[in-house]
Amino acid sequence: MIAENPRQPNTPIANSEADVPITSQPLTEDAVSVQNDVSVSPAPSNRTAGTTFASSGSPYYATTIAIFASLLLISNISATKGVTFGPIGDFPINTDGGFILFPLAYVLGDILSEVYGFKATRQAIILGFAIAILGAVTFQLVIVLPGAEYYTGQESFETVLGLVPLILIASIAGFIVGQTLNSLVVVVMKRRTNAKHMWARLIGSTIVGEFADTLIFCSIAAPLIGFTTFGECANYVVLGFLYKTAVEAAMLPITYPLIRWFKRREPSYALTA
């Protein structure tokens, strides 16, 4: 007797090739930069309207925000000194000591926004200023402590670090507004352009963010560091904005490959169709 085939007559036979959807959409500039570099299953990531950002649980993210927070702390202390170059002819250049490192914080902000998204960047901003506030509180406690008999630097210590809380208020107000706008512009433009034209969103976000940041910070900090006339304050604001924007534009040849470097090494970074 021949046994009946247990398979029902209408049971479909799976086709391992036909059942797998195949897409052939053209790769964006970001997708090209990460293809062939991801060899592990993607980790959970932040999705925003078709654009996937890398997970903020990455060790690269932790290292980046550590550098980010350090730049903020050092810049806030450095900004207690007013600096004037020139004059060039009859035109002085007014700035503060924070001009050396502070623009780099915006470069890192661009990297964080582009690779990890708005939420992760906001967390970095909060952490950075939490550390800066801790530093300011510590400086004030040290100022009021009784000095040793042999210590002769109390007045200088107060002059430099006593301004930090006021500079920090100006910095927090300016940076939170500026960096938030900077991050939003990057994320929104990335979503609307389907991750194309990265140079445009980096420059556009810089112009918007730096202008807001510089206007707010300089308006509060100018009289604290010795710029008291309207002309000095206007000089401080305009030249500060132009300088920071120019530095970020000049840094694009470095920022671009840095962003690609992060994307290639973040297995959770990808773009959805």
Foldseek 3Di string as FASTA:
>chain_A
DDDDDPDDPPDDDDDPPVVDDDDDDDDAPLQVLAPPLFDDAADDFDDDQQFTAFHCVDPVNVVLLVVLLVLLQVLLLQQLAWDWDDPPPPRIAIETRSLPRVLVSLLSLLLCLQHHNLVSSLVSLVVSLVVNVVVLVVLVVVLPDDDDPPDDCSVVSCSRSVCSVQLSVLQNQLQVQLSSQLSVQQNVVCNVVVNHPNVVSNLVSLLRSLLSSLVSSLVRCVVSNPNDDPVSSVSHSPSSSVSSSVVSNVCVVVSVVVSSVVSNPRSNGDGGD
